[in-house]
Amino acid sequence: KLTTDMSQKRKPHWFEKFHWMITSDNYLVVGGRDAQQNEMLVKRYLRPGDAYLHADVHGASSCILRAKRRRTEDGKTETIALPDQALREAGTFTICRSSAWASRMVTSAYWVESHQVSKTAPSGEYLTVGSFMVRGKKNYLPPSQLEMGLAVLFRLGDEDSVARHKNERRDFSILDVPDY
């Protein structure tokens, strides 16, 4: 007789309905799968301090690099500046999720701050669903290789395994660690 242990299914995170990745320094990058998701990403999830990434390539999705935040001593929340490494990795993600992947075209993405992205078109013009107006200077990233990887995430079940892996992917940019 075979018995199976049925564990409870976990609740998916909000970003799992989009294309997503975690950068090497633990920043979340989220990209839309279609025009409706691009619209939802920018309107609902783009926050002050986040970076909006896009590429001048047909089929490029809107991507967001989510900024980290920390509490100050007076209880307010401040945004931590986005590192260059995370911006480069998010730019590569943006390119790989566009039509540049299928055509094997090496190109670059750009990023802007969240306040530069708007749904307001110039007078007499109209923006379709999933399209946005970017005002101001675009920060172009260097051209990147079309490389993507795959990772398998494991959920730690017992307290011993949680203790063994504690602080493995700790982000020192949000800690107040003195420079030596």
C-alpha atoms as a PDB file:
ATOM      1  CA  LYS A   1       0.000   0.000   0.000  1.00  0.00           C
ATOM      2  CA  LEU A   2       1.365   3.408  -1.008  1.00  0.00           C
ATOM      3  CA  THR A   3       0.898   6.429   1.205  1.00  0.00           C
ATOM      4  CA  THR A   4       1.688   9.966   0.183  1.00  0.00           C
ATOM      5  CA  ASP A   5       2.151  13.010   2.324  1.00  0.00           C
ATOM      6  CA  MET A   6       0.054  15.811   0.863  1.00  0.00           C
ATOM      7  CA  SER A   7       1.488  19.114   1.973  1.00  0.00           C
ATOM      8  CA  GLN A   8      -0.529  22.281   1.811  1.00  0.00           C
ATOM      9  CA  LYS A   9      -0.113  24.242  -1.423  1.00  0.00           C
ATOM     10  CA  ARG A  10       1.600  27.569  -0.862  1.00  0.00           C
ATOM     11  CA  LYS A  11       0.030  30.877  -1.788  1.00  0.00           C
ATOM     12  CA  PRO A  12       1.790  32.362  -4.872  1.00  0.00           C
ATOM     13  CA  HIS A  13       3.519  35.724  -4.517  1.00  0.00           C
ATOM     14  CA  TRP A  14       1.965  38.726  -6.302  1.00  0.00           C
ATOM     15  CA  PHE A  15       4.741  38.866  -8.907  1.00  0.00           C
ATOM     16  CA  GLU A  16       4.493  35.232 -10.036  1.00  0.00           C
ATOM     17  CA  LYS A  17       1.809  36.044 -12.610  1.00  0.00           C
ATOM     18  CA  PHE A  18       4.398  38.160 -14.477  1.00  0.00           C
ATOM     19  CA  HIS A  19       7.824  37.353 -15.930  1.00  0.00           C
ATOM     20  CA  TRP A  20      10.173  37.831 -12.980  1.00  0.00           C
ATOM     21  CA  MET A  21      13.694  37.302 -11.726  1.00  0.00           C
ATOM     22  CA  ILE A  22      15.853  37.994  -8.688  1.00  0.00           C
ATOM     23  CA  THR A  23      19.144  39.785  -9.380  1.00  0.00           C
ATOM     24  CA  SER A  24      22.417  38.553  -7.911  1.00  0.00           C
ATOM     25  CA  ASP A  25      22.093  41.164  -5.165  1.00  0.00           C
ATOM     26  CA  ASN A  26      18.483  40.215  -4.297  1.00  0.00           C
ATOM     27  CA  TYR A  27      16.493  42.851  -6.186  1.00  0.00           C
ATOM     28  CA  LEU A  28      13.184  41.858  -7.735  1.00  0.00           C
ATOM     29  CA  VAL A  29      12.665  42.511 -11.464  1.00  0.00           C
ATOM     30  CA  VAL A  30       9.151  42.105 -12.871  1.00  0.00           C
ATOM     31  CA  GLY A  31       8.119  42.273 -16.536  1.00  0.00           C
ATOM     32  CA  GLY A  32       4.749  42.154 -18.264  1.00  0.00           C
ATOM     33  CA  ARG A  33       3.760  39.174 -20.407  1.00  0.00           C
ATOM     34  CA  ASP A  34       1.426  41.252 -22.588  1.00  0.00           C
ATOM     35  CA  ALA A  35       0.031  44.775 -22.987  1.00  0.00           C
ATOM     36  CA  GLN A  36      -2.529  44.346 -20.195  1.00  0.00           C
ATOM     37  CA  GLN A  37       0.143  43.210 -17.755  1.00  0.00           C
ATOM     38  CA  ASN A  38       2.409  46.099 -18.799  1.00  0.00           C
ATOM     39  CA  GLU A  39      -0.457  48.428 -17.968  1.00  0.00           C
ATOM     40  CA  MET A  40      -1.063  46.755 -14.605  1.00  0.00           C
ATOM     41  CA  LEU A  41       2.625  46.773 -13.689  1.00  0.00           C
ATOM     42  CA  VAL A  42       3.064  50.486 -14.216  1.00  0.00           C
ATOM     43  CA  LYS A  43      -0.252  51.622 -12.785  1.00  0.00           C
ATOM     44  CA  ARG A  44      -0.354  49.331  -9.755  1.00  0.00           C
ATOM     45  CA  TYR A  45       3.198  48.295  -8.864  1.00  0.00           C
ATOM     46  CA  LEU A  46       5.603  51.057  -9.992  1.00  0.00           C
ATOM     47  CA  ARG A  47       6.581  52.959  -6.828  1.00  0.00           C
ATOM     48  CA  PRO A  48       8.754  56.007  -6.192  1.00  0.00           C
ATOM     49  CA  GLY A  49      12.381  54.906  -6.176  1.00  0.00           C
ATOM     50  CA  ASP A  50      11.792  51.998  -8.570  1.00  0.00           C
ATOM     51  CA  ALA A  51      13.329  51.937 -12.043  1.00  0.00           C
ATOM     52  CA  TYR A  52      11.217  51.466 -15.175  1.00  0.00           C
ATOM     53  CA  LEU A  53      13.104  49.539 -17.869  1.00  0.00           C
ATOM     54  CA  HIS A  54      12.259  49.185 -21.530  1.00  0.00           C
ATOM     55  CA  ALA A  55      14.017  48.723 -24.856  1.00  0.00           C
ATOM     56  CA  ASP A  56      13.630  50.311 -28.273  1.00  0.00           C
ATOM     57  CA  VAL A  57      12.795  46.886 -29.693  1.00  0.00           C
ATOM     58  CA  HIS A  58       9.471  45.607 -30.967  1.00  0.00           C
ATOM     59  CA  GLY A  59       7.752  43.466 -28.368  1.00  0.00           C
ATOM     60  CA  ALA A  60       9.792  44.672 -25.413  1.00  0.00           C
ATOM     61  CA  SER A  61       7.804  44.527 -22.224  1.00  0.00           C
ATOM     62  CA  SER A  62       7.681  47.087 -19.479  1.00  0.00           C
ATOM     63  CA  CYS A  63       9.916  45.960 -16.632  1.00  0.00           C
ATOM     64  CA  ILE A  64      10.266  47.259 -13.106  1.00  0.00           C
ATOM     65  CA  LEU A  65      13.299  46.974 -10.878  1.00  0.00           C
ATOM     66  CA  ARG A  66      11.874  47.223  -7.382  1.00  0.00           C
ATOM     67  CA  ALA A  67      13.854  49.400  -4.984  1.00  0.00           C
ATOM     68  CA  LYS A  68      14.524  48.302  -1.435  1.00  0.00           C
ATOM     69  CA  ARG A  69      13.439  50.380   1.492  1.00  0.00           C
ATOM     70  CA  ARG A  70      14.552  50.725   5.095  1.00  0.00           C
ATOM     71  CA  ARG A  71      13.163  52.413   8.168  1.00  0.00           C
ATOM     72  CA  THR A  72      14.984  55.412   9.525  1.00  0.00           C
ATOM     73  CA  GLU A  73      15.364  56.119  13.220  1.00  0.00           C
ATOM     74  CA  ASP A  74      12.379  58.490  13.169  1.00  0.00           C
ATOM     75  CA  GLY A  75      10.138  55.716  11.752  1.00  0.00           C
ATOM     76  CA  LYS A  76       9.960  56.954   8.177  1.00  0.00           C
ATOM     77  CA  THR A  77      10.776  54.805   5.171  1.00  0.00           C
ATOM     78  CA  GLU A  78      13.606  55.723   2.824  1.00  0.00           C
ATOM     79  CA  THR A  79      14.456  54.262  -0.559  1.00  0.00           C
ATOM     80  CA  ILE A  80      17.886  52.747  -1.118  1.00  0.00           C
ATOM     81  CA  ALA A  81      19.600  53.761  -4.374  1.00  0.00           C
ATOM     82  CA  LEU A  82      19.594  51.027  -7.023  1.00  0.00           C
ATOM     83  CA  PRO A  83      23.035  49.500  -7.675  1.00  0.00           C
ATOM     84  CA  ASP A  84      24.520  49.449 -11.189  1.00  0.00           C
ATOM     85  CA  GLN A  85      24.809  45.650 -11.148  1.00  0.00           C
ATOM     86  CA  ALA A  86      21.064  45.243 -10.537  1.00  0.00           C
ATOM     87  CA  LEU A  87      20.280  47.755 -13.309  1.00  0.00           C
ATOM     88  CA  ARG A  88      22.516  45.874 -15.788  1.00  0.00           C
ATOM     89  CA  GLU A  89      20.948  42.519 -14.919  1.00  0.00           C
ATOM     90  CA  ALA A  90      17.435  43.983 -15.195  1.00  0.00           C
ATOM     91  CA  GLY A  91      18.387  45.467 -18.582  1.00  0.00           C
ATOM     92  CA  THR A  92      19.544  42.047 -19.801  1.00  0.00           C
ATOM     93  CA  PHE A  93      16.249  40.573 -18.583  1.00  0.00           C
ATOM     94  CA  THR A  94      14.343  43.274 -20.483  1.00  0.00           C
ATOM     95  CA  ILE A  95      16.205  42.542 -23.725  1.00  0.00           C
ATOM     96  CA  CYS A  96      15.885  38.770 -23.378  1.00  0.00           C
ATOM     97  CA  ARG A  97      12.128  39.095 -22.925  1.00  0.00           C
ATOM     98  CA  SER A  98      11.737  41.103 -26.168  1.00  0.00           C
ATOM     99  CA  SER A  99      11.823  40.125 -29.840  1.00  0.00           C
ATOM    100  CA  ALA A 100      15.616  40.577 -29.714  1.00  0.00           C
ATOM    101  CA  TRP A 101      15.793  37.075 -28.212  1.00  0.00           C
ATOM    102  CA  ALA A 102      14.243  35.370 -31.252  1.00  0.00           C
ATOM    103  CA  SER A 103      16.175  37.482 -33.762  1.00  0.00           C
ATOM    104  CA  ARG A 104      19.464  37.108 -31.794  1.00  0.00           C
ATOM    105  CA  MET A 105      19.948  40.871 -31.914  1.00  0.00           C
ATOM    106  CA  VAL A 106      22.410  42.354 -29.438  1.00  0.00           C
ATOM    107  CA  THR A 107      21.035  45.682 -28.260  1.00  0.00           C
ATOM    108  CA  SER A 108      20.593  47.609 -25.043  1.00  0.00           C
ATOM    109  CA  ALA A 109      17.792  48.601 -22.730  1.00  0.00           C
ATOM    110  CA  TYR A 110      17.236  51.892 -20.944  1.00  0.00           C
ATOM    111  CA  TRP A 111      15.928  52.805 -17.544  1.00  0.00           C
ATOM    112  CA  VAL A 112      14.191  55.856 -16.126  1.00  0.00           C
ATOM    113  CA  GLU A 113      12.929  56.815 -12.709  1.00  0.00           C
ATOM    114  CA  SER A 114       9.308  56.106 -11.852  1.00  0.00           C
ATOM    115  CA  HIS A 115       8.185  59.747 -12.014  1.00  0.00           C
ATOM    116  CA  GLN A 116       9.280  59.954 -15.682  1.00  0.00           C
ATOM    117  CA  VAL A 117       6.691  57.369 -16.791  1.00  0.00           C
ATOM    118  CA  SER A 118       3.232  58.633 -17.644  1.00  0.00           C
ATOM    119  CA  LYS A 119       0.053  57.526 -19.392  1.00  0.00           C
ATOM    120  CA  THR A 120      -0.569  61.109 -20.545  1.00  0.00           C
ATOM    121  CA  ALA A 121       0.059  61.513 -24.270  1.00  0.00           C
ATOM    122  CA  PRO A 122       0.970  64.787 -25.986  1.00  0.00           C
ATOM    123  CA  SER A 123      -2.098  66.743 -27.116  1.00  0.00           C
ATOM    124  CA  GLY A 124      -3.698  65.233 -30.194  1.00  0.00           C
ATOM    125  CA  GLU A 125      -2.051  61.846 -29.675  1.00  0.00           C
ATOM    126  CA  TYR A 126      -3.289  58.632 -28.154  1.00  0.00           C
ATOM    127  CA  LEU A 127      -1.464  55.863 -26.251  1.00  0.00           C
ATOM    128  CA  THR A 128      -2.624  52.276 -26.686  1.00  0.00           C
ATOM    129  CA  VAL A 129      -3.011  49.804 -23.822  1.00  0.00           C
ATOM    130  CA  GLY A 130       0.415  48.890 -22.437  1.00  0.00           C
ATOM    131  CA  SER A 131       2.138  51.946 -23.949  1.00  0.00           C
ATOM    132  CA  PHE A 132       3.604  54.754 -21.875  1.00  0.00           C
ATOM    133  CA  MET A 133       5.162  58.142 -22.380  1.00  0.00           C
ATOM    134  CA  VAL A 134       8.692  58.540 -21.027  1.00  0.00           C
ATOM    135  CA  ARG A 135       9.640  62.138 -20.318  1.00  0.00           C
ATOM    136  CA  GLY A 136      13.152  63.323 -19.698  1.00  0.00           C
ATOM    137  CA  LYS A 137      16.515  61.677 -20.159  1.00  0.00           C
ATOM    138  CA  LYS A 138      16.719  57.925 -20.775  1.00  0.00           C
ATOM    139  CA  ASN A 139      19.655  56.173 -19.125  1.00  0.00           C
ATOM    140  CA  TYR A 140      20.880  53.653 -21.691  1.00  0.00           C
ATOM    141  CA  LEU A 141      22.633  50.564 -20.387  1.00  0.00           C
ATOM    142  CA  PRO A 142      25.562  48.964 -22.236  1.00  0.00           C
ATOM    143  CA  PRO A 143      24.606  46.307 -24.833  1.00  0.00           C
ATOM    144  CA  SER A 144      24.270  42.940 -23.175  1.00  0.00           C
ATOM    145  CA  GLN A 145      24.579  39.319 -24.198  1.00  0.00           C
ATOM    146  CA  LEU A 146      21.349  37.430 -24.715  1.00  0.00           C
ATOM    147  CA  GLU A 147      21.784  35.033 -21.802  1.00  0.00           C
ATOM    148  CA  MET A 148      19.157  33.681 -19.460  1.00  0.00           C
ATOM    149  CA  GLY A 149      19.405  31.034 -16.790  1.00  0.00           C
ATOM    150  CA  LEU A 150      16.986  28.847 -14.951  1.00  0.00           C
ATOM    151  CA  ALA A 151      16.817  28.288 -11.241  1.00  0.00           C
ATOM    152  CA  VAL A 152      14.853  25.948  -9.064  1.00  0.00           C
ATOM    153  CA  LEU A 153      13.630  27.329  -5.771  1.00  0.00           C
ATOM    154  CA  PHE A 154      13.299  25.049  -2.796  1.00  0.00           C
ATOM    155  CA  ARG A 155      11.157  25.652   0.201  1.00  0.00           C
ATOM    156  CA  LEU A 156      12.804  24.902   3.509  1.00  0.00           C
ATOM    157  CA  GLY A 157      10.539  22.722   5.565  1.00  0.00           C
ATOM    158  CA  ASP A 158      11.996  21.932   8.957  1.00  0.00           C
ATOM    159  CA  GLU A 159      13.608  24.240  11.497  1.00  0.00           C
ATOM    160  CA  ASP A 160      17.037  22.588  11.173  1.00  0.00           C
ATOM    161  CA  SER A 161      17.271  23.393   7.465  1.00  0.00           C
ATOM    162  CA  VAL A 162      16.072  26.952   8.075  1.00  0.00           C
ATOM    163  CA  ALA A 163      18.805  27.416  10.688  1.00  0.00           C
ATOM    164  CA  ARG A 164      21.493  26.050   8.320  1.00  0.00           C
ATOM    165  CA  HIS A 165      20.557  28.521   5.585  1.00  0.00           C
ATOM    166  CA  LYS A 166      19.912  31.577   7.739  1.00  0.00           C
ATOM    167  CA  ASN A 167      21.559  34.774   6.390  1.00  0.00           C
ATOM    168  CA  GLU A 168      22.792  33.055   3.210  1.00  0.00           C
ATOM    169  CA  ARG A 169      21.467  35.730   0.873  1.00  0.00           C
ATOM    170  CA  ARG A 170      21.596  38.636   3.280  1.00  0.00           C
ATOM    171  CA  ASP A 171      21.567  42.032   1.609  1.00  0.00           C
ATOM    172  CA  PHE A 172      24.233  44.189   3.194  1.00  0.00           C
ATOM    173  CA  SER A 173      23.065  47.311   1.350  1.00  0.00           C
ATOM    174  CA  ILE A 174      20.090  47.629   3.687  1.00  0.00           C
ATOM    175  CA  LEU A 175      22.074  47.011   6.847  1.00  0.00           C
ATOM    176  CA  ASP A 176      23.993  49.707   8.634  1.00  0.00           C
ATOM    177  CA  VAL A 177      27.394  48.038   8.456  1.00  0.00           C
ATOM    178  CA  PRO A 178      30.418  50.314   8.918  1.00  0.00           C
ATOM    179  CA  ASP A 179      32.986  50.387   6.102  1.00  0.00           C
ATOM    180  CA  TYR A 180      36.416  49.167   7.146  1.00  0.00           C
END
